[in-house]
N, C-alpha and C. Protein backbone atom coordinates (compact mmCIF):
# COMPACT_ATOMS: atom_id res chain seq x y z
N MET A 1 -0.37 4.44 -17.81
CA MET A 1 -1.56 3.56 -17.56
C MET A 1 -2.45 4.29 -16.66
N VAL A 2 -3.82 4.30 -16.90
CA VAL A 2 -4.74 4.85 -16.17
C VAL A 2 -5.40 3.82 -15.16
N SER A 3 -5.40 3.91 -13.88
CA SER A 3 -6.01 2.98 -13.06
C SER A 3 -7.23 3.64 -12.34
N VAL A 4 -8.25 2.81 -12.13
CA VAL A 4 -9.41 3.37 -11.42
C VAL A 4 -9.35 2.92 -9.98
N ALA A 5 -9.37 3.88 -9.04
CA ALA A 5 -9.25 3.50 -7.64
C ALA A 5 -10.49 2.94 -7.07
N SER A 6 -10.43 2.01 -6.08
CA SER A 6 -11.60 1.49 -5.51
C SER A 6 -12.36 2.60 -4.72
N ALA A 7 -11.76 3.53 -4.23
CA ALA A 7 -12.41 4.65 -3.46
C ALA A 7 -12.92 5.62 -4.36
N GLY A 8 -12.75 5.50 -5.75
CA GLY A 8 -13.24 6.37 -6.73
C GLY A 8 -12.05 7.26 -7.20
N GLY A 9 -12.24 7.82 -8.49
CA GLY A 9 -11.16 8.56 -9.09
C GLY A 9 -10.20 7.73 -9.85
N THR A 10 -9.12 8.44 -10.40
CA THR A 10 -8.18 7.73 -11.19
C THR A 10 -6.70 8.07 -10.74
N VAL A 11 -5.82 7.21 -11.13
CA VAL A 11 -4.40 7.47 -10.94
C VAL A 11 -3.70 7.20 -12.26
N ILE A 12 -2.79 8.13 -12.76
CA ILE A 12 -2.23 8.02 -14.01
C ILE A 12 -0.72 7.76 -13.73
N ASN A 13 -0.26 6.57 -13.98
CA ASN A 13 1.13 6.15 -13.74
C ASN A 13 1.86 6.18 -15.15
N TYR A 14 3.02 6.93 -15.20
CA TYR A 14 3.83 6.92 -16.50
C TYR A 14 5.08 5.94 -16.25
N SER A 15 5.43 5.36 -17.33
CA SER A 15 6.56 4.42 -17.23
C SER A 15 7.90 5.23 -17.23
N SER A 16 8.87 4.42 -16.82
CA SER A 16 10.24 5.01 -16.85
C SER A 16 10.60 5.16 -18.31
N ARG A 17 11.66 6.08 -18.52
CA ARG A 17 12.12 6.35 -19.97
C ARG A 17 12.89 5.00 -20.39
N PHE A 18 12.87 4.81 -21.62
CA PHE A 18 13.60 3.73 -22.25
C PHE A 18 14.18 4.24 -23.52
N SER A 19 15.10 3.42 -24.11
CA SER A 19 15.73 3.79 -25.33
C SER A 19 15.75 2.66 -26.37
N PHE A 20 15.92 3.01 -27.71
CA PHE A 20 16.12 2.06 -28.59
C PHE A 20 17.58 2.01 -29.14
N THR A 21 18.10 0.99 -29.57
CA THR A 21 19.39 0.91 -30.12
C THR A 21 19.39 0.41 -31.47
N GLY A 22 20.34 0.78 -32.29
CA GLY A 22 20.35 0.21 -33.59
C GLY A 22 19.58 0.80 -34.60
N MET A 23 18.99 1.92 -34.38
CA MET A 23 17.97 2.59 -35.33
C MET A 23 18.77 3.67 -36.10
N THR A 24 18.28 3.94 -37.25
CA THR A 24 18.98 4.95 -38.11
C THR A 24 17.99 6.08 -38.31
N GLY A 25 18.51 7.33 -38.66
CA GLY A 25 17.75 8.42 -38.90
C GLY A 25 18.24 9.62 -38.26
N THR A 26 17.62 10.79 -38.41
CA THR A 26 18.06 12.08 -37.85
C THR A 26 17.05 12.68 -37.03
N PHE A 27 17.39 13.51 -36.13
CA PHE A 27 16.48 14.29 -35.24
C PHE A 27 16.54 15.86 -35.61
N SER A 28 15.62 16.55 -35.38
CA SER A 28 15.70 18.03 -35.57
C SER A 28 16.59 18.54 -34.35
N SER A 29 17.05 19.85 -34.62
CA SER A 29 17.84 20.36 -33.53
C SER A 29 17.00 20.65 -32.30
N ASP A 30 15.71 20.88 -32.33
CA ASP A 30 14.76 21.02 -31.15
C ASP A 30 14.87 19.78 -30.30
N VAL A 31 14.76 18.60 -31.08
CA VAL A 31 14.65 17.30 -30.32
C VAL A 31 16.05 17.08 -29.69
N ILE A 32 17.09 17.38 -30.39
CA ILE A 32 18.40 17.08 -29.82
C ILE A 32 18.76 17.89 -28.60
N THR A 33 18.21 19.21 -28.68
CA THR A 33 18.36 20.08 -27.42
C THR A 33 17.56 19.55 -26.27
N ALA A 34 16.29 19.09 -26.51
CA ALA A 34 15.42 18.53 -25.52
C ALA A 34 15.97 17.25 -24.91
N LEU A 35 16.55 16.44 -25.75
CA LEU A 35 17.15 15.17 -25.23
C LEU A 35 18.36 15.47 -24.39
N ALA A 36 19.04 16.42 -24.62
CA ALA A 36 20.21 16.79 -23.87
C ALA A 36 19.85 17.24 -22.45
N SER A 37 18.70 17.83 -22.33
CA SER A 37 18.22 18.26 -20.93
C SER A 37 17.59 17.15 -20.09
N VAL A 38 17.42 15.92 -20.61
CA VAL A 38 16.87 14.81 -19.96
C VAL A 38 17.89 14.13 -19.07
N SER A 39 17.62 13.95 -17.81
CA SER A 39 18.65 13.21 -17.06
C SER A 39 17.87 12.14 -16.15
N GLY A 40 18.48 11.01 -16.07
CA GLY A 40 17.83 9.94 -15.28
C GLY A 40 16.87 9.17 -16.18
N THR A 41 16.19 8.12 -15.56
CA THR A 41 15.28 7.33 -16.28
C THR A 41 13.92 7.42 -15.78
N ASP A 42 13.63 8.27 -14.77
CA ASP A 42 12.21 8.54 -14.29
C ASP A 42 11.41 9.18 -15.32
N GLY A 43 10.23 8.65 -15.29
CA GLY A 43 9.16 9.38 -16.25
C GLY A 43 8.48 10.49 -15.48
N PRO A 44 7.51 11.04 -16.10
CA PRO A 44 6.77 12.14 -15.39
C PRO A 44 6.14 11.70 -14.07
N PRO A 45 5.84 12.60 -13.19
CA PRO A 45 5.29 12.22 -11.92
C PRO A 45 3.96 11.60 -12.08
N THR A 46 3.51 10.82 -11.09
CA THR A 46 2.14 10.20 -11.11
C THR A 46 1.11 11.33 -10.87
N VAL A 47 -0.02 11.13 -11.60
CA VAL A 47 -1.20 12.15 -11.47
C VAL A 47 -2.15 11.37 -10.65
N ASN A 48 -2.43 11.91 -9.46
CA ASN A 48 -3.35 11.24 -8.51
C ASN A 48 -4.62 11.93 -8.34
N GLN A 49 -5.68 11.35 -8.91
CA GLN A 49 -7.04 12.08 -8.91
C GLN A 49 -8.10 11.12 -8.20
N VAL A 50 -7.56 10.69 -6.99
CA VAL A 50 -8.40 9.69 -6.20
C VAL A 50 -9.54 10.47 -5.57
N ALA A 51 -10.51 9.71 -5.04
CA ALA A 51 -11.75 10.31 -4.44
C ALA A 51 -11.30 11.44 -3.46
N GLY A 52 -12.30 12.40 -3.27
CA GLY A 52 -12.01 13.55 -2.54
C GLY A 52 -12.17 14.75 -3.53
N SER A 53 -11.98 14.62 -4.82
CA SER A 53 -12.15 15.68 -5.73
C SER A 53 -13.62 15.82 -6.04
N LYS A 54 -14.10 16.86 -6.42
CA LYS A 54 -15.54 17.24 -6.68
C LYS A 54 -15.87 16.69 -7.93
N PRO A 55 -17.04 16.20 -8.21
CA PRO A 55 -17.54 15.84 -9.44
C PRO A 55 -17.49 16.96 -10.50
N GLY A 56 -16.99 16.66 -11.61
CA GLY A 56 -16.95 17.72 -12.55
C GLY A 56 -15.61 18.54 -12.48
N ASP A 57 -14.62 18.14 -11.83
CA ASP A 57 -13.35 19.01 -11.71
C ASP A 57 -12.60 18.57 -13.00
N GLY A 58 -11.55 19.43 -13.32
CA GLY A 58 -10.67 19.27 -14.43
C GLY A 58 -11.37 19.09 -15.64
N PRO A 59 -10.81 18.11 -16.51
CA PRO A 59 -11.40 17.79 -17.87
C PRO A 59 -12.87 17.41 -17.74
N PHE A 60 -13.28 16.91 -16.68
CA PHE A 60 -14.70 16.42 -16.61
C PHE A 60 -15.72 17.54 -16.52
N ALA A 61 -15.22 18.75 -16.29
CA ALA A 61 -16.08 19.97 -16.20
C ALA A 61 -16.47 20.49 -17.58
N VAL A 62 -15.75 20.06 -18.58
CA VAL A 62 -16.12 20.55 -19.99
C VAL A 62 -17.22 19.70 -20.45
N PRO A 63 -18.30 20.23 -20.96
CA PRO A 63 -19.32 19.38 -21.61
C PRO A 63 -18.79 18.50 -22.66
N TYR A 64 -19.37 17.20 -22.65
CA TYR A 64 -18.84 16.23 -23.54
C TYR A 64 -18.79 16.75 -25.01
N THR A 65 -19.90 17.37 -25.45
CA THR A 65 -20.03 17.79 -26.89
C THR A 65 -19.09 18.95 -27.15
N MET A 66 -18.57 19.73 -26.11
CA MET A 66 -17.67 20.72 -26.47
C MET A 66 -16.17 20.26 -26.46
N GLN A 67 -15.87 19.07 -26.13
CA GLN A 67 -14.54 18.50 -26.10
C GLN A 67 -14.08 18.19 -27.54
N THR A 68 -12.78 18.26 -27.80
CA THR A 68 -12.13 17.83 -29.01
C THR A 68 -10.97 17.01 -28.72
N GLY A 69 -10.52 16.32 -29.77
CA GLY A 69 -9.38 15.52 -29.50
C GLY A 69 -9.69 14.02 -29.45
N PRO A 70 -8.69 13.13 -29.32
CA PRO A 70 -8.88 11.75 -29.36
C PRO A 70 -9.46 11.15 -28.11
N THR A 71 -9.27 11.86 -27.02
CA THR A 71 -9.88 11.37 -25.62
C THR A 71 -11.00 12.30 -25.20
N ARG A 72 -12.02 11.84 -24.81
CA ARG A 72 -13.11 12.68 -24.20
C ARG A 72 -13.31 12.19 -22.82
N TYR A 73 -13.92 13.11 -21.93
CA TYR A 73 -14.12 12.93 -20.53
C TYR A 73 -15.52 13.05 -20.26
N ALA A 74 -16.08 12.09 -19.61
CA ALA A 74 -17.46 12.04 -19.21
C ALA A 74 -17.59 12.16 -17.69
N PRO A 75 -18.59 13.02 -17.23
CA PRO A 75 -18.78 13.22 -15.75
C PRO A 75 -19.29 11.87 -15.12
N MET A 76 -19.03 11.72 -13.82
CA MET A 76 -19.40 10.48 -13.08
C MET A 76 -20.98 10.41 -13.07
N GLN A 77 -21.49 9.25 -12.91
CA GLN A 77 -22.86 9.08 -12.80
C GLN A 77 -23.38 9.57 -11.46
N PRO A 78 -24.55 10.18 -11.39
CA PRO A 78 -24.99 10.64 -10.03
C PRO A 78 -25.22 9.52 -9.04
N ARG A 79 -25.05 9.88 -7.82
CA ARG A 79 -25.22 8.85 -6.80
C ARG A 79 -26.65 8.45 -6.63
N PRO A 80 -26.84 7.21 -6.70
CA PRO A 80 -28.23 6.66 -6.59
C PRO A 80 -28.96 7.03 -5.24
N GLY A 81 -30.18 7.24 -5.14
CA GLY A 81 -30.90 7.62 -4.12
C GLY A 81 -31.30 6.34 -3.23
N SER A 82 -31.69 6.55 -2.07
CA SER A 82 -32.08 5.45 -1.21
C SER A 82 -33.48 4.88 -1.38
N THR A 83 -34.35 5.78 -2.09
CA THR A 83 -35.69 5.29 -2.52
C THR A 83 -35.95 5.54 -3.77
N ILE A 84 -36.83 4.96 -4.44
CA ILE A 84 -37.28 5.15 -5.79
C ILE A 84 -38.64 5.92 -5.78
N THR A 85 -38.42 7.18 -6.27
CA THR A 85 -39.55 8.12 -6.27
C THR A 85 -40.08 8.43 -7.71
N ALA A 86 -39.27 8.12 -8.74
CA ALA A 86 -39.68 8.37 -10.08
C ALA A 86 -40.75 7.55 -10.57
N LYS A 87 -41.62 8.01 -11.33
CA LYS A 87 -42.64 7.17 -11.96
C LYS A 87 -42.30 6.86 -13.33
N LYS A 88 -41.36 7.58 -14.01
CA LYS A 88 -41.01 7.23 -15.33
C LYS A 88 -39.46 7.64 -15.43
N ALA A 89 -38.77 7.03 -16.30
CA ALA A 89 -37.31 7.49 -16.56
C ALA A 89 -37.17 8.70 -17.39
N THR A 90 -36.26 9.51 -16.81
CA THR A 90 -36.03 10.75 -17.57
C THR A 90 -34.51 10.80 -17.89
N PRO A 91 -34.12 11.41 -18.97
CA PRO A 91 -32.71 11.49 -19.30
C PRO A 91 -31.93 12.38 -18.40
N LEU A 92 -30.67 12.15 -18.10
CA LEU A 92 -29.89 13.01 -17.34
C LEU A 92 -29.46 14.21 -18.16
N PHE A 93 -29.22 14.03 -19.36
CA PHE A 93 -28.84 15.15 -20.25
C PHE A 93 -29.74 15.21 -21.45
N PRO A 94 -29.80 16.44 -22.16
CA PRO A 94 -30.67 16.43 -23.33
C PRO A 94 -30.20 15.56 -24.39
N PRO A 95 -31.02 15.03 -25.28
CA PRO A 95 -30.58 14.14 -26.29
C PRO A 95 -29.75 14.79 -27.35
N SER A 96 -28.93 14.02 -27.94
CA SER A 96 -28.01 14.69 -29.06
C SER A 96 -28.86 14.66 -30.30
N PRO A 97 -28.69 15.61 -31.18
CA PRO A 97 -29.40 15.58 -32.46
C PRO A 97 -28.74 14.51 -33.41
N VAL A 98 -29.57 13.91 -34.16
CA VAL A 98 -29.23 12.80 -35.01
C VAL A 98 -29.46 13.26 -36.40
N THR A 99 -28.42 13.04 -37.39
CA THR A 99 -28.52 13.38 -38.69
C THR A 99 -28.19 12.04 -39.47
N ILE A 100 -29.15 11.70 -40.29
CA ILE A 100 -28.89 10.45 -41.14
C ILE A 100 -27.91 10.75 -42.21
N ALA A 101 -26.78 9.92 -42.43
CA ALA A 101 -25.74 10.26 -43.32
C ALA A 101 -26.32 9.94 -44.76
N LYS A 102 -26.03 10.80 -45.67
CA LYS A 102 -26.48 10.62 -47.02
C LYS A 102 -25.22 10.30 -47.84
N THR A 103 -24.01 10.44 -47.32
CA THR A 103 -22.69 10.24 -48.04
C THR A 103 -21.86 9.46 -47.01
N TYR A 104 -20.65 9.10 -47.48
CA TYR A 104 -19.68 8.56 -46.53
C TYR A 104 -19.19 9.59 -45.50
N LEU A 105 -19.10 9.12 -44.24
CA LEU A 105 -18.73 10.09 -43.26
C LEU A 105 -17.20 10.08 -43.01
N PRO A 106 -16.68 11.16 -42.49
CA PRO A 106 -15.22 11.12 -42.26
C PRO A 106 -14.82 10.22 -41.11
N GLN A 107 -13.56 9.87 -41.08
CA GLN A 107 -13.07 9.01 -39.95
C GLN A 107 -13.38 9.57 -38.63
N PRO A 108 -13.73 8.76 -37.67
CA PRO A 108 -14.11 9.25 -36.26
C PRO A 108 -12.78 9.76 -35.67
N THR A 109 -12.93 10.87 -34.84
CA THR A 109 -11.83 11.43 -34.23
C THR A 109 -11.66 10.97 -32.66
N VAL A 110 -12.84 10.57 -32.16
CA VAL A 110 -12.68 10.10 -30.78
C VAL A 110 -12.20 8.66 -30.61
N GLN A 111 -11.14 8.34 -29.91
CA GLN A 111 -10.53 7.01 -29.68
C GLN A 111 -11.02 6.45 -28.46
N THR A 112 -11.28 7.24 -27.35
CA THR A 112 -11.65 6.66 -26.10
C THR A 112 -12.36 7.70 -25.25
N THR A 113 -13.26 7.19 -24.36
CA THR A 113 -13.83 8.11 -23.39
C THR A 113 -13.52 7.60 -22.02
N ILE A 114 -13.11 8.51 -21.22
CA ILE A 114 -12.82 8.20 -19.84
C ILE A 114 -13.97 8.75 -18.92
N THR A 115 -14.63 7.93 -18.15
CA THR A 115 -15.63 8.35 -17.28
C THR A 115 -15.09 8.50 -15.87
N GLN A 116 -15.45 9.63 -15.29
CA GLN A 116 -14.92 9.84 -13.91
C GLN A 116 -15.49 8.86 -12.93
N GLY A 117 -14.63 8.40 -12.13
CA GLY A 117 -14.97 7.36 -11.11
C GLY A 117 -15.82 7.91 -10.01
N PRO A 118 -16.56 7.09 -9.38
CA PRO A 118 -17.49 7.65 -8.26
C PRO A 118 -16.60 8.13 -7.05
N ASN A 119 -16.98 9.14 -6.33
CA ASN A 119 -16.33 9.65 -5.24
C ASN A 119 -17.07 9.21 -3.87
N TYR A 120 -17.79 8.20 -3.91
CA TYR A 120 -18.50 7.67 -2.81
C TYR A 120 -18.34 6.20 -2.76
N SER A 121 -18.72 5.51 -1.62
CA SER A 121 -18.60 4.03 -1.61
C SER A 121 -20.06 3.50 -1.20
N VAL A 122 -20.29 2.38 -1.46
CA VAL A 122 -21.67 1.71 -1.21
C VAL A 122 -21.37 0.54 -0.28
N ASN A 123 -22.19 0.46 0.79
CA ASN A 123 -22.07 -0.70 1.74
C ASN A 123 -23.24 -1.59 1.43
N SER A 124 -22.98 -2.86 1.32
CA SER A 124 -24.11 -3.87 1.08
C SER A 124 -23.99 -4.95 2.04
N VAL A 125 -25.17 -5.52 2.35
CA VAL A 125 -25.15 -6.72 3.23
C VAL A 125 -25.95 -7.88 2.52
N GLU A 126 -25.68 -9.02 2.81
CA GLU A 126 -26.33 -10.11 2.30
C GLU A 126 -27.68 -10.30 2.99
N ASN A 127 -28.56 -10.79 2.17
CA ASN A 127 -29.96 -11.09 2.67
C ASN A 127 -29.87 -12.57 3.26
N ASP A 128 -29.92 -12.77 4.53
CA ASP A 128 -29.65 -14.13 5.12
C ASP A 128 -31.09 -14.68 5.52
N ALA A 129 -32.17 -14.08 5.11
CA ALA A 129 -33.51 -14.62 5.46
C ALA A 129 -33.66 -15.91 4.66
N SER A 130 -34.32 -17.02 5.26
CA SER A 130 -34.52 -18.17 4.48
C SER A 130 -35.67 -17.97 3.63
N PRO A 131 -35.60 -18.68 2.43
CA PRO A 131 -36.66 -18.57 1.48
C PRO A 131 -38.07 -19.15 2.03
N ALA A 132 -39.11 -18.60 1.46
CA ALA A 132 -40.38 -19.12 1.88
C ALA A 132 -40.55 -20.63 1.37
N PRO A 133 -41.24 -21.41 2.02
CA PRO A 133 -41.52 -22.81 1.59
C PRO A 133 -42.37 -22.80 0.37
N MET A 134 -42.31 -23.96 -0.34
CA MET A 134 -43.11 -24.15 -1.48
C MET A 134 -44.56 -24.29 -1.03
N PRO A 135 -45.56 -23.80 -1.86
CA PRO A 135 -46.91 -23.94 -1.55
C PRO A 135 -47.36 -25.48 -1.48
N MET A 136 -48.20 -25.87 -0.61
CA MET A 136 -48.80 -27.09 -0.61
C MET A 136 -50.22 -27.11 -1.13
N ASP A 137 -50.40 -27.19 -2.36
CA ASP A 137 -51.75 -27.23 -2.99
C ASP A 137 -52.05 -28.57 -3.37
N ASP A 138 -53.23 -28.78 -3.91
CA ASP A 138 -53.68 -30.25 -4.36
C ASP A 138 -52.69 -30.79 -5.45
N MET A 139 -52.25 -29.92 -6.34
CA MET A 139 -51.36 -30.53 -7.46
C MET A 139 -49.99 -30.99 -6.84
N GLN A 140 -49.49 -30.25 -5.86
CA GLN A 140 -48.28 -30.63 -5.20
C GLN A 140 -48.40 -31.96 -4.48
N LYS A 141 -49.44 -32.08 -3.81
CA LYS A 141 -49.74 -33.37 -3.09
C LYS A 141 -49.77 -34.57 -3.98
N PHE A 142 -50.48 -34.29 -5.23
CA PHE A 142 -50.62 -35.30 -6.19
C PHE A 142 -49.13 -35.73 -6.79
N LEU A 143 -48.32 -34.58 -7.05
CA LEU A 143 -47.00 -34.93 -7.52
C LEU A 143 -46.08 -35.61 -6.57
N ASN A 144 -46.31 -35.36 -5.24
CA ASN A 144 -45.45 -36.02 -4.25
C ASN A 144 -45.59 -37.40 -4.23
N ARG A 145 -46.63 -38.04 -4.76
CA ARG A 145 -46.80 -39.48 -4.74
C ARG A 145 -45.75 -40.23 -5.35
N TRP A 146 -45.04 -39.57 -6.43
CA TRP A 146 -44.04 -40.21 -7.11
C TRP A 146 -42.58 -39.82 -6.78
N LYS A 147 -42.50 -39.17 -5.60
CA LYS A 147 -41.17 -38.80 -5.13
C LYS A 147 -40.65 -40.05 -4.52
N ASP A 148 -39.34 -40.21 -4.72
CA ASP A 148 -38.62 -41.43 -4.03
C ASP A 148 -37.89 -41.00 -2.88
């Protein structure tokens, strides 16, 4: 199970080993040898990638378009600035080329994308200022006549 930490990053927890009973079939000699070397019921150790790691570490350092396999890894979004200075939106990465399909396409190979969690935290406070009063123009005075 992959968990996203509130401080940023991910933790991968593996389950304990389990077994099935009542099944029939055979295993190759390699599998039988590997099974004999297993002791206990503990699964692989937990992989802890919680905040503190740099953006783009590990699998997130490989550009998305260069990755293969059923799982792709996307870098974390950049930290937002404290002021807005841009006059227009610009893409973070160059656009991908698009080709219109003229025949049926093969089955997609990507099953999931894991995005790197943020390695920073954001502090927010509520706006406790009271709202401005409603304007008192002539129409409002006219409508107030029928208030009960």
